[in-house]
């Protein structure tokens, strides 16, 4: 089974995501949904910034293109995983159907 590739986010992306929660008045769930980042990942970023005292107070906003890119990468990883599952299921069913006729 193929593993879902690990996502890498730029420091600016992380800072903007944290800023949206800290200064933008949005909830973790809203930001994670908009940016296609898991809620736990976002919580980890927030916790790190609060612990280190590096909570950003502004900066550039995450563009729609970056959010769409993140969403599409996640969708591609899910599609690849589904493809692998379907391949294995087809192989199993083909093997089972051949075994019953002989």
C-alpha atoms as a PDB file:
ATOM      1  CA  UNK A   1       0.000   0.000   0.000  1.00  0.00           C
ATOM      2  CA  UNK A   2       1.319   3.422  -0.936  1.00  0.00           C
ATOM      3  CA  UNK A   3       1.847   5.885   1.884  1.00  0.00           C
ATOM      4  CA  UNK A   4       0.336   9.319   1.661  1.00  0.00           C
ATOM      5  CA  UNK A   5       3.221  11.678   0.934  1.00  0.00           C
ATOM      6  CA  UNK A   6       4.229  13.930   3.776  1.00  0.00           C
ATOM      7  CA  UNK A   7       3.186  17.531   3.324  1.00  0.00           C
ATOM      8  CA  UNK A   8       5.742  20.302   3.647  1.00  0.00           C
ATOM      9  CA  UNK A   9       4.549  23.805   4.385  1.00  0.00           C
ATOM     10  CA  UNK A  10       6.558  26.994   4.140  1.00  0.00           C
ATOM     11  CA  UNK A  11       7.232  29.019   7.251  1.00  0.00           C
ATOM     12  CA  UNK A  12       5.159  31.858   5.809  1.00  0.00           C
ATOM     13  CA  UNK A  13       2.204  29.529   5.257  1.00  0.00           C
ATOM     14  CA  UNK A  14       2.391  28.315   8.872  1.00  0.00           C
ATOM     15  CA  UNK A  15       2.670  31.838  10.218  1.00  0.00           C
ATOM     16  CA  UNK A  16      -0.327  33.016   8.223  1.00  0.00           C
ATOM     17  CA  UNK A  17      -2.406  30.036   9.336  1.00  0.00           C
ATOM     18  CA  UNK A  18      -1.570  30.766  12.989  1.00  0.00           C
ATOM     19  CA  UNK A  19      -2.245  34.446  12.423  1.00  0.00           C
ATOM     20  CA  UNK A  20      -5.708  33.699  11.057  1.00  0.00           C
ATOM     21  CA  UNK A  21      -6.564  31.935  14.316  1.00  0.00           C
ATOM     22  CA  UNK A  22      -4.781  34.315  16.684  1.00  0.00           C
ATOM     23  CA  UNK A  23      -5.544  37.656  15.055  1.00  0.00           C
ATOM     24  CA  UNK A  24      -8.159  36.907  12.424  1.00  0.00           C
ATOM     25  CA  UNK A  25     -10.880  35.761  14.780  1.00  0.00           C
ATOM     26  CA  UNK A  26     -11.360  32.436  12.999  1.00  0.00           C
ATOM     27  CA  UNK A  27     -11.580  29.054  14.680  1.00  0.00           C
ATOM     28  CA  UNK A  28      -9.067  26.258  14.186  1.00  0.00           C
ATOM     29  CA  UNK A  29     -11.734  24.237  12.378  1.00  0.00           C
ATOM     30  CA  UNK A  30     -12.489  27.066   9.938  1.00  0.00           C
ATOM     31  CA  UNK A  31      -8.842  27.727   9.124  1.00  0.00           C
ATOM     32  CA  UNK A  32      -7.984  24.056   8.755  1.00  0.00           C
ATOM     33  CA  UNK A  33     -10.928  23.540   6.411  1.00  0.00           C
ATOM     34  CA  UNK A  34     -10.035  26.588   4.303  1.00  0.00           C
ATOM     35  CA  UNK A  35      -6.372  25.620   3.990  1.00  0.00           C
ATOM     36  CA  UNK A  36      -6.859  21.827   3.807  1.00  0.00           C
ATOM     37  CA  UNK A  37      -4.585  21.274   6.790  1.00  0.00           C
ATOM     38  CA  UNK A  38      -5.513  18.892   9.561  1.00  0.00           C
ATOM     39  CA  UNK A  39      -6.784  20.485  12.745  1.00  0.00           C
ATOM     40  CA  UNK A  40      -4.143  18.716  14.810  1.00  0.00           C
ATOM     41  CA  UNK A  41      -1.352  20.050  12.608  1.00  0.00           C
ATOM     42  CA  UNK A  42      -2.703  23.572  12.972  1.00  0.00           C
ATOM     43  CA  UNK A  43      -3.019  23.151  16.751  1.00  0.00           C
ATOM     44  CA  UNK A  44       0.612  22.000  16.880  1.00  0.00           C
ATOM     45  CA  UNK A  45       1.720  25.128  15.003  1.00  0.00           C
ATOM     46  CA  UNK A  46      -0.305  27.346  17.348  1.00  0.00           C
ATOM     47  CA  UNK A  47       1.113  25.607  20.423  1.00  0.00           C
ATOM     48  CA  UNK A  48       4.671  26.022  19.120  1.00  0.00           C
ATOM     49  CA  UNK A  49       4.187  29.695  18.368  1.00  0.00           C
ATOM     50  CA  UNK A  50       2.623  30.347  21.774  1.00  0.00           C
ATOM     51  CA  UNK A  51       5.395  28.438  23.553  1.00  0.00           C
ATOM     52  CA  UNK A  52       8.201  30.189  21.669  1.00  0.00           C
ATOM     53  CA  UNK A  53       6.482  33.566  21.788  1.00  0.00           C
ATOM     54  CA  UNK A  54       6.641  33.910  18.036  1.00  0.00           C
ATOM     55  CA  UNK A  55       2.978  34.416  17.273  1.00  0.00           C
ATOM     56  CA  UNK A  56       2.927  36.511  14.114  1.00  0.00           C
ATOM     57  CA  UNK A  57       1.015  39.762  14.248  1.00  0.00           C
ATOM     58  CA  UNK A  58       0.267  40.234  10.589  1.00  0.00           C
ATOM     59  CA  UNK A  59       2.060  39.399   7.389  1.00  0.00           C
ATOM     60  CA  UNK A  60       0.705  38.461   4.037  1.00  0.00           C
ATOM     61  CA  UNK A  61      -2.500  36.517   3.729  1.00  0.00           C
ATOM     62  CA  UNK A  62      -2.625  33.023   2.301  1.00  0.00           C
ATOM     63  CA  UNK A  63      -3.745  33.350  -1.266  1.00  0.00           C
ATOM     64  CA  UNK A  64      -6.605  31.417  -2.754  1.00  0.00           C
ATOM     65  CA  UNK A  65      -4.120  29.745  -5.081  1.00  0.00           C
ATOM     66  CA  UNK A  66      -2.053  28.432  -2.164  1.00  0.00           C
ATOM     67  CA  UNK A  67      -5.178  27.146  -0.434  1.00  0.00           C
ATOM     68  CA  UNK A  68      -6.374  25.509  -3.662  1.00  0.00           C
ATOM     69  CA  UNK A  69      -2.935  23.982  -4.225  1.00  0.00           C
ATOM     70  CA  UNK A  70      -2.990  22.481  -0.747  1.00  0.00           C
ATOM     71  CA  UNK A  71      -6.504  21.110  -1.270  1.00  0.00           C
ATOM     72  CA  UNK A  72      -5.542  19.575  -4.627  1.00  0.00           C
ATOM     73  CA  UNK A  73      -2.410  17.924  -3.187  1.00  0.00           C
ATOM     74  CA  UNK A  74      -4.512  16.353  -0.464  1.00  0.00           C
ATOM     75  CA  UNK A  75      -7.050  15.146  -3.026  1.00  0.00           C
ATOM     76  CA  UNK A  76      -4.316  13.653  -5.197  1.00  0.00           C
ATOM     77  CA  UNK A  77      -2.859  11.730  -2.257  1.00  0.00           C
ATOM     78  CA  UNK A  78      -6.308  10.355  -1.410  1.00  0.00           C
ATOM     79  CA  UNK A  79      -6.923   9.371  -5.043  1.00  0.00           C
ATOM     80  CA  UNK A  80      -3.599   7.512  -5.187  1.00  0.00           C
ATOM     81  CA  UNK A  81      -4.466   5.641  -2.007  1.00  0.00           C
ATOM     82  CA  UNK A  82      -7.906   4.704  -3.372  1.00  0.00           C
ATOM     83  CA  UNK A  83      -6.298   3.525  -6.618  1.00  0.00           C
ATOM     84  CA  UNK A  84      -3.987   1.181  -4.716  1.00  0.00           C
ATOM     85  CA  UNK A  85      -6.899  -0.215  -2.713  1.00  0.00           C
ATOM     86  CA  UNK A  86      -8.916  -0.821  -5.880  1.00  0.00           C
ATOM     87  CA  UNK A  87      -5.969  -2.554  -7.559  1.00  0.00           C
ATOM     88  CA  UNK A  88      -5.643  -4.956  -4.652  1.00  0.00           C
ATOM     89  CA  UNK A  89      -9.382  -5.586  -4.543  1.00  0.00           C
ATOM     90  CA  UNK A  90      -9.483  -6.339  -8.281  1.00  0.00           C
ATOM     91  CA  UNK A  91      -6.548  -8.720  -7.989  1.00  0.00           C
ATOM     92  CA  UNK A  92      -8.228 -10.502  -5.090  1.00  0.00           C
ATOM     93  CA  UNK A  93     -11.560 -10.802  -6.903  1.00  0.00           C
ATOM     94  CA  UNK A  94      -9.904 -12.022 -10.106  1.00  0.00           C
ATOM     95  CA  UNK A  95      -7.974 -14.643  -8.176  1.00  0.00           C
ATOM     96  CA  UNK A  96     -11.119 -15.750  -6.349  1.00  0.00           C
ATOM     97  CA  UNK A  97     -13.196 -16.044  -9.539  1.00  0.00           C
ATOM     98  CA  UNK A  98     -10.523 -18.129 -11.286  1.00  0.00           C
ATOM     99  CA  UNK A  99     -10.231 -20.488  -8.360  1.00  0.00           C
ATOM    100  CA  UNK A 100     -13.932 -21.308  -8.316  1.00  0.00           C
ATOM    101  CA  UNK A 101     -14.190 -22.403 -11.966  1.00  0.00           C
ATOM    102  CA  UNK A 102     -11.504 -25.068 -11.978  1.00  0.00           C
END
